[in-house]
Protein backbone atom coordinates (compact mmCIF):
# COMPACT_ATOMS: atom_id res chain seq x y z
CA UNK A 1 58.32 82.03 35.36
CA UNK A 2 58.08 86.08 35.44
CA UNK A 3 61.76 87.81 35.19
CA UNK A 4 63.70 88.16 38.13
CA UNK A 5 63.09 91.90 37.84
CA UNK A 6 59.37 91.06 38.36
CA UNK A 7 59.52 88.89 41.23
CA UNK A 8 57.93 90.41 44.58
CA UNK A 9 59.38 89.63 48.17
CA UNK A 10 58.15 86.52 49.41
CA UNK A 11 57.77 86.61 53.21
CA UNK A 12 57.85 82.51 53.44
CA UNK A 13 61.26 82.47 51.96
CA UNK A 14 62.32 85.59 54.30
CA UNK A 15 60.98 83.65 57.30
CA UNK A 16 62.83 80.42 56.34
CA UNK A 17 65.91 82.61 55.86
CA UNK A 18 65.49 83.71 59.07
CA UNK A 19 65.23 80.56 60.87
CA UNK A 20 68.13 79.22 59.17
CA UNK A 21 70.00 82.15 61.00
CA UNK A 22 69.32 81.19 64.14
CA UNK A 23 69.35 77.63 64.06
CA UNK A 24 73.00 77.75 62.58
CA UNK A 25 74.08 80.61 64.08
CA UNK A 26 75.65 81.90 60.92
CA UNK A 27 76.92 85.57 61.31
CA UNK A 28 75.85 88.12 58.10
CA UNK A 29 77.17 91.83 57.92
CA UNK A 30 75.44 94.70 55.90
CA UNK A 31 77.99 96.19 54.05
CA UNK A 32 77.47 98.64 51.04
CA UNK A 33 74.70 96.87 49.24
CA UNK A 34 75.61 93.64 50.09
CA UNK A 35 75.58 90.82 52.63
CA UNK A 36 78.42 89.21 53.67
CA UNK A 37 79.25 85.96 55.47
CA UNK A 38 83.03 85.21 56.55
CA UNK A 39 86.06 86.96 55.13
CA UNK A 40 86.61 84.62 56.90
CA UNK A 41 84.18 82.92 59.09
CA UNK A 42 84.77 81.90 62.87
CA UNK A 43 87.13 79.27 63.47
CA UNK A 44 88.80 79.43 60.06
CA UNK A 45 91.89 77.12 59.71
CA UNK A 46 92.20 76.97 56.06
CA UNK A 47 94.75 79.00 53.95
CA UNK A 48 94.29 82.71 52.99
CA UNK A 49 92.80 83.05 49.47
CA UNK A 50 95.20 84.66 46.80
CA UNK A 51 94.09 84.95 43.29
CA UNK A 52 91.24 82.86 41.36
CA UNK A 53 89.95 81.85 44.58
CA UNK A 54 86.62 83.70 44.06
CA UNK A 55 83.81 82.62 41.80
CA UNK A 56 80.61 84.95 40.49
CA UNK A 57 77.10 83.82 40.36
CA UNK A 58 74.19 85.07 38.47
CA UNK A 59 70.94 84.29 37.48
CA UNK A 60 69.85 83.70 41.22
CA UNK A 61 66.45 84.54 41.88
CA UNK A 62 65.41 87.40 43.96
CA UNK A 63 63.91 85.21 46.60
CA UNK A 64 66.48 83.01 47.25
CA UNK A 65 68.92 83.75 49.95
CA UNK A 66 71.65 82.15 52.13
CA UNK A 67 69.92 79.53 53.74
CA UNK A 68 70.04 77.68 49.84
CA UNK A 69 73.57 79.69 48.59
CA UNK A 70 75.85 79.04 51.08
CA UNK A 71 75.03 75.33 52.08
CA UNK A 72 75.15 74.73 48.20
CA UNK A 73 78.44 76.50 47.65
CA UNK A 74 79.94 75.12 50.75
CA UNK A 75 79.21 71.17 49.15
CA UNK A 76 82.35 72.23 46.66
CA UNK A 77 84.62 73.02 49.56
CA UNK A 78 84.57 75.22 52.79
CA UNK A 79 83.54 79.00 52.34
CA UNK A 80 86.19 81.49 52.98
CA UNK A 81 83.62 84.52 52.08
CA UNK A 82 80.08 84.91 50.34
CA UNK A 83 78.72 88.17 49.33
CA UNK A 84 75.25 88.65 48.57
CA UNK A 85 74.47 91.85 46.57
CA UNK A 86 71.14 93.23 47.97
CA UNK A 87 68.52 96.10 47.14
CA UNK A 88 66.83 98.21 49.60
CA UNK A 89 63.64 95.84 49.49
CA UNK A 90 64.98 93.11 50.87
CA UNK A 91 65.45 90.77 47.66
CA UNK A 92 68.77 90.06 46.12
CA UNK A 93 69.87 91.74 43.10
CA UNK A 94 70.63 88.51 41.29
CA UNK A 95 74.19 88.11 41.74
CA UNK A 96 76.85 87.00 44.37
CA UNK A 97 80.06 86.08 44.64
CA UNK A 98 81.87 82.78 46.55
CA UNK A 99 85.39 82.86 47.72
CA UNK A 100 86.96 79.95 48.94
CA UNK A 101 90.95 78.72 50.21
CA UNK A 102 92.50 77.72 46.96
CA UNK A 103 92.42 78.24 43.22
CA UNK A 104 91.46 74.17 42.88
CA UNK A 105 88.41 74.53 44.79
CA UNK A 106 87.09 77.70 43.20
CA UNK A 107 87.76 75.72 39.69
CA UNK A 108 85.52 72.59 40.83
CA UNK A 109 82.75 75.04 42.21
CA UNK A 110 82.47 76.65 38.45
CA UNK A 111 82.94 72.87 36.74
CA UNK A 112 80.37 71.44 39.54
CA UNK A 113 77.86 74.37 40.23
CA UNK A 114 77.51 76.25 36.63
CA UNK A 115 74.04 75.22 35.08
CA UNK A 116 72.85 74.13 38.80
CA UNK A 117 69.07 74.05 38.58
CA UNK A 118 68.09 76.23 41.78
CA UNK A 119 64.39 76.26 41.26
CA UNK A 120 62.28 74.75 38.69
CA UNK A 121 63.46 76.60 35.04
CA UNK A 122 65.95 78.42 36.57
CA UNK A 123 69.72 77.59 36.30
CA UNK A 124 72.81 79.30 38.01
CA UNK A 125 75.39 81.14 36.02
CA UNK A 126 78.79 80.36 37.76
CA UNK A 127 81.98 81.77 36.44
CA UNK A 128 85.58 82.54 37.65
CA UNK A 129 85.52 85.93 39.51
CA UNK A 130 87.61 88.84 37.53
CA UNK A 131 89.76 90.39 40.43
CA UNK A 132 91.55 93.35 39.62
CA UNK A 133 94.17 92.99 41.62
CA UNK A 134 96.84 95.59 39.95
CA UNK A 135 97.05 99.36 39.71
CA UNK A 136 99.19 101.32 37.47
CA UNK A 137 100.67 104.77 39.41
CA UNK A 138 101.90 107.38 36.79
CA UNK A 139 103.62 110.36 37.13
CA UNK A 140 106.63 109.10 39.67
CA UNK A 141 109.59 111.51 39.55
CA UNK A 142 112.05 110.11 37.02
CA UNK A 143 114.73 109.25 40.06
CA UNK A 144 111.93 106.69 41.64
CA UNK A 145 113.54 103.59 42.72
CA UNK A 146 112.11 100.26 42.94
CA UNK A 147 112.95 99.19 46.19
CA UNK A 148 111.96 102.86 47.67
CA UNK A 149 108.76 102.91 45.92
CA UNK A 150 108.27 99.38 47.72
CA UNK A 151 108.94 100.66 51.36
CA UNK A 152 107.01 103.99 50.80
CA UNK A 153 103.72 102.10 49.58
CA UNK A 154 103.96 99.40 52.27
CA UNK A 155 103.97 102.51 54.74
CA UNK A 156 101.11 104.17 53.08
CA UNK A 157 98.76 100.70 52.52
CA UNK A 158 98.27 97.34 53.21
CA UNK A 159 98.57 94.31 51.00
CA UNK A 160 101.06 95.68 48.92
CA UNK A 161 102.85 92.39 47.26
CA UNK A 162 104.90 93.29 43.92
CA UNK A 163 106.26 96.68 42.46
CA UNK A 164 107.42 96.80 39.07
CA UNK A 165 109.31 100.09 37.52
CA UNK A 166 109.24 101.43 34.23
CA UNK A 167 109.94 104.68 32.13
CA UNK A 168 107.00 104.97 29.29
CA UNK A 169 108.51 106.20 25.92
CA UNK A 170 107.61 110.29 25.19
CA UNK A 171 106.49 110.59 28.64
CA UNK A 172 108.03 112.19 31.47
CA UNK A 173 108.45 110.34 34.81
CA UNK A 174 108.15 106.86 35.39
CA UNK A 175 105.27 104.64 36.09
CA UNK A 176 104.52 101.41 38.42
CA UNK A 177 102.68 98.64 38.14
CA UNK A 178 101.56 97.48 41.98
CA UNK A 179 99.97 94.27 42.95
CA UNK A 180 97.96 93.57 45.88
CA UNK A 181 97.13 90.56 47.89
CA UNK A 182 93.41 91.06 47.08
CA UNK A 183 90.78 93.29 45.08
CA UNK A 184 89.69 94.82 48.42
CA UNK A 185 93.15 95.69 49.31
CA UNK A 186 94.03 97.36 45.68
CA UNK A 187 90.41 99.29 46.25
CA UNK A 188 91.54 100.74 49.40
CA UNK A 189 94.61 101.69 48.01
CA UNK A 190 93.55 103.16 44.93
CA UNK A 191 91.73 105.68 47.24
CA UNK A 192 94.41 106.51 49.59
CA UNK A 193 97.97 106.75 47.64
CA UNK A 194 96.79 109.45 45.57
CA UNK A 195 95.86 111.46 48.33
CA UNK A 196 99.39 110.57 50.07
CA UNK A 197 101.56 111.36 47.44
CA UNK A 198 100.11 114.84 47.54
CA UNK A 199 100.10 115.51 50.86
CA UNK A 200 103.36 113.84 51.92
CA UNK A 201 105.40 114.48 49.00
CA UNK A 202 103.49 117.37 46.77
CA UNK A 203 103.60 114.88 43.93
CA UNK A 204 100.43 114.47 41.78
CA UNK A 205 100.27 111.08 40.21
CA UNK A 206 97.50 109.18 37.94
CA UNK A 207 96.00 105.78 39.56
CA UNK A 208 94.49 103.31 37.07
CA UNK A 209 93.29 99.74 37.24
CA UNK A 210 95.00 97.19 35.35
CA UNK A 211 92.62 94.87 33.41
CA UNK A 212 92.56 91.44 34.97
CA UNK A 213 94.04 88.36 33.36
CA UNK A 214 91.72 85.65 33.07
CA UNK A 215 93.07 82.18 33.80
CA UNK A 216 93.27 80.40 30.71
CA UNK A 217 92.00 76.72 30.82
CA UNK A 218 95.66 75.21 30.29
CA UNK A 219 96.65 77.00 33.39
CA UNK A 220 98.20 74.15 35.77
CA UNK A 221 96.80 74.82 39.27
CA UNK A 222 98.61 73.70 42.41
CA UNK A 223 97.62 70.30 43.19
CA UNK A 224 95.49 69.71 46.17
CA UNK A 225 93.72 66.79 47.32
CA UNK A 226 89.67 67.19 47.14
CA UNK A 227 89.04 63.70 48.10
CA UNK A 228 90.59 60.72 50.31
CA UNK A 229 88.38 57.78 49.72
CA UNK A 230 88.26 54.28 49.58
CA UNK A 231 87.85 52.78 46.22
CA UNK A 232 85.84 50.25 47.75
CA UNK A 233 83.66 50.21 50.83
CA UNK A 234 82.44 46.78 52.82
CA UNK A 235 79.42 49.13 54.34
CA UNK A 236 78.32 50.26 50.83
CA UNK A 237 79.32 47.12 48.81
CA UNK A 238 76.97 45.12 51.32
CA UNK A 239 74.21 47.97 51.05
CA UNK A 240 71.18 46.92 48.49
CA UNK A 241 70.53 50.36 47.65
CA UNK A 242 74.57 50.59 46.65
CA UNK A 243 74.35 47.42 44.53
CA UNK A 244 71.05 48.44 42.91
CA UNK A 245 72.60 52.30 42.17
CA UNK A 246 75.69 50.83 40.37
CA UNK A 247 73.97 48.24 38.40
CA UNK A 248 74.48 45.06 40.82
CA UNK A 249 71.87 42.61 42.02
CA UNK A 250 69.40 44.19 44.85
CA UNK A 251 69.96 41.15 46.82
CA UNK A 252 72.68 41.33 49.37
CA UNK A 253 72.81 37.48 50.78
CA UNK A 254 76.63 37.40 49.97
CA UNK A 255 77.35 41.42 50.47
CA UNK A 256 77.01 41.94 46.15
CA UNK A 257 80.65 40.28 46.60
CA UNK A 258 80.47 36.84 44.26
CA UNK A 259 82.51 36.57 41.21
CA UNK A 260 79.60 36.41 38.72
CA UNK A 261 77.50 39.30 40.29
CA UNK A 262 80.78 41.71 40.50
CA UNK A 263 81.80 40.71 36.78
CA UNK A 264 78.55 41.54 35.66
CA UNK A 265 78.06 44.68 37.89
CA UNK A 266 78.78 48.15 36.35
CA UNK A 267 80.85 49.63 39.01
CA UNK A 268 84.49 49.39 38.74
CA UNK A 269 84.98 50.09 42.26
CA UNK A 270 83.29 47.12 43.24
CA UNK A 271 85.31 45.08 41.01
CA UNK A 272 88.35 46.68 41.91
CA UNK A 273 87.86 46.20 45.72
CA UNK A 274 86.74 42.28 45.37
CA UNK A 275 89.62 41.66 42.90
CA UNK A 276 92.28 43.44 45.17
CA UNK A 277 91.28 41.62 48.63
CA UNK A 278 90.63 38.21 46.14
CA UNK A 279 94.60 38.50 45.44
CA UNK A 280 95.66 39.64 49.11
CA UNK A 281 96.29 43.02 48.59
CA UNK A 282 94.16 44.23 50.96
CA UNK A 283 91.28 46.93 50.42
CA UNK A 284 92.41 49.85 48.00
CA UNK A 285 92.70 53.28 49.05
CA UNK A 286 92.30 56.23 46.64
CA UNK A 287 93.58 59.66 46.73
CA UNK A 288 92.01 61.89 43.81
CA UNK A 289 93.54 65.47 43.42
CA UNK A 290 91.42 67.83 40.32
CA UNK A 291 94.02 70.21 38.28
CA UNK A 292 92.50 71.85 35.78
CA UNK A 293 89.76 72.21 32.99
CA UNK A 294 89.95 71.79 29.55
CA UNK A 295 87.56 74.60 27.04
CA UNK A 296 85.46 71.37 26.10
CA UNK A 297 84.42 70.74 29.93
CA UNK A 298 86.66 67.83 30.76
CA UNK A 299 88.55 68.08 34.15
CA UNK A 300 91.57 66.68 34.58
CA UNK A 301 92.11 64.69 38.37
CA UNK A 302 95.49 62.90 39.13
CA UNK A 303 95.45 60.05 41.64
CA UNK A 304 97.12 57.52 43.78
CA UNK A 305 96.17 54.09 44.30
CA UNK A 306 97.79 52.41 47.38
CA UNK A 307 97.52 49.40 49.75
CA UNK A 308 99.46 47.14 52.25
CA UNK A 309 100.26 44.50 49.59
CA UNK A 310 101.11 46.39 46.33
CA UNK A 311 102.98 49.46 45.15
CA UNK A 312 101.37 52.87 44.56
CA UNK A 313 99.67 53.17 41.24
CA UNK A 314 99.65 56.92 39.64
CA UNK A 315 97.77 58.34 36.89
CA UNK A 316 95.57 60.86 35.34
CA UNK A 317 92.21 60.84 33.91
CA UNK A 318 89.81 63.07 32.02
CA UNK A 319 85.75 63.08 32.97
CA UNK A 320 82.92 65.14 31.94
CA UNK A 321 81.57 67.14 35.21
CA UNK A 322 78.33 65.35 36.40
CA UNK A 323 74.98 67.34 37.85
CA UNK A 324 76.21 67.36 41.28
CA UNK A 325 79.40 67.68 43.16
CA UNK A 326 78.88 64.01 44.50
CA UNK A 327 78.14 62.79 40.96
CA UNK A 328 81.17 64.16 39.70
CA UNK A 329 83.53 62.76 42.54
CA UNK A 330 81.65 59.45 41.96
CA UNK A 331 82.56 59.43 38.27
CA UNK A 332 86.03 60.12 39.11
CA UNK A 333 86.54 57.16 41.38
CA UNK A 334 84.81 55.10 38.73
CA UNK A 335 87.22 56.17 36.26
CA UNK A 336 90.27 55.44 38.31
CA UNK A 337 89.31 52.13 39.50
CA UNK A 338 88.65 51.41 35.63
CA UNK A 339 92.20 52.35 34.80
CA UNK A 340 93.57 50.76 37.78
CA UNK A 341 91.77 47.63 36.74
CA UNK A 342 93.29 47.58 33.78
CA UNK A 343 96.77 48.18 35.44
CA UNK A 344 96.28 45.47 37.87
CA UNK A 345 94.32 42.75 36.34
CA UNK A 346 94.33 43.04 32.23
CA UNK A 347 93.32 39.43 32.33
CA UNK A 348 90.15 39.37 34.63
CA UNK A 349 88.12 42.33 33.29
CA UNK A 350 87.44 43.46 29.61
CA UNK A 351 86.31 47.09 29.38
């Protein structure tokens, strides 16, 4: 396949994109060489994104548009914003940014969609976005006080979160580090603050970006439930297709629920469902939350399993991500079920 730089505009892909816009009533705006969705989208009722809620996407084929990318990145969680970089020819520039409502969902997007095959022979690269949100302001008077500076900056520009003031050895005056709510707010302030200090106070200050600090894999992200699912489902367990997919018998004459069938099946979720009902506990429910990823690629999940007939069981599992979000969550459910089986029914299972 030719490199992205040599790809010509594909009229067929462009028409497909236009049809998708009309069919879904998706609204995009063109802003400074990028096409933007959301920020937030209409009807958004989730949280406002903070730091580490955005991912950086590269290796996008030049004729791939939002009709493919927005639904794909929406499989991980609701998108707060999606920005595709464009050029004048109508092609994209090969990279984009997706922003979610929480750090957990953004981290999951990296784990689940990095390496996703978007077209034959083309895999996406998905990484945490390095959002610069801090500015260093130098040349402030030595009498500058924290509370006064915070008040002045908040009157000048939007999105000021915190301010710290410090004296630099050997340098006249003091400097301040200002943290903003977003990269966008910091960018606007960078242009504005220098002019306003000169105009309002006749003070010439210097303003520079502070390097963004990349999160380490050991940072514990705020727990957030990504899924709330049944460990077992009568509809699924009675489905011949499901039985075949999990390695059980394809004939569903008895709903794949005989002891011999379940003991030989490869699905811990089916076995847990069967044994809980057999012992009078009722159907188990499972809440799974993704917390963080390790450098070796393992995802850390915590879980709670509960039903009407037993105390809530809690624990932690680690799994490697699958090729899709759905396959990763299915593997997480299997790992949870396997661990719970060993806790509840150690004499009836062997793993």
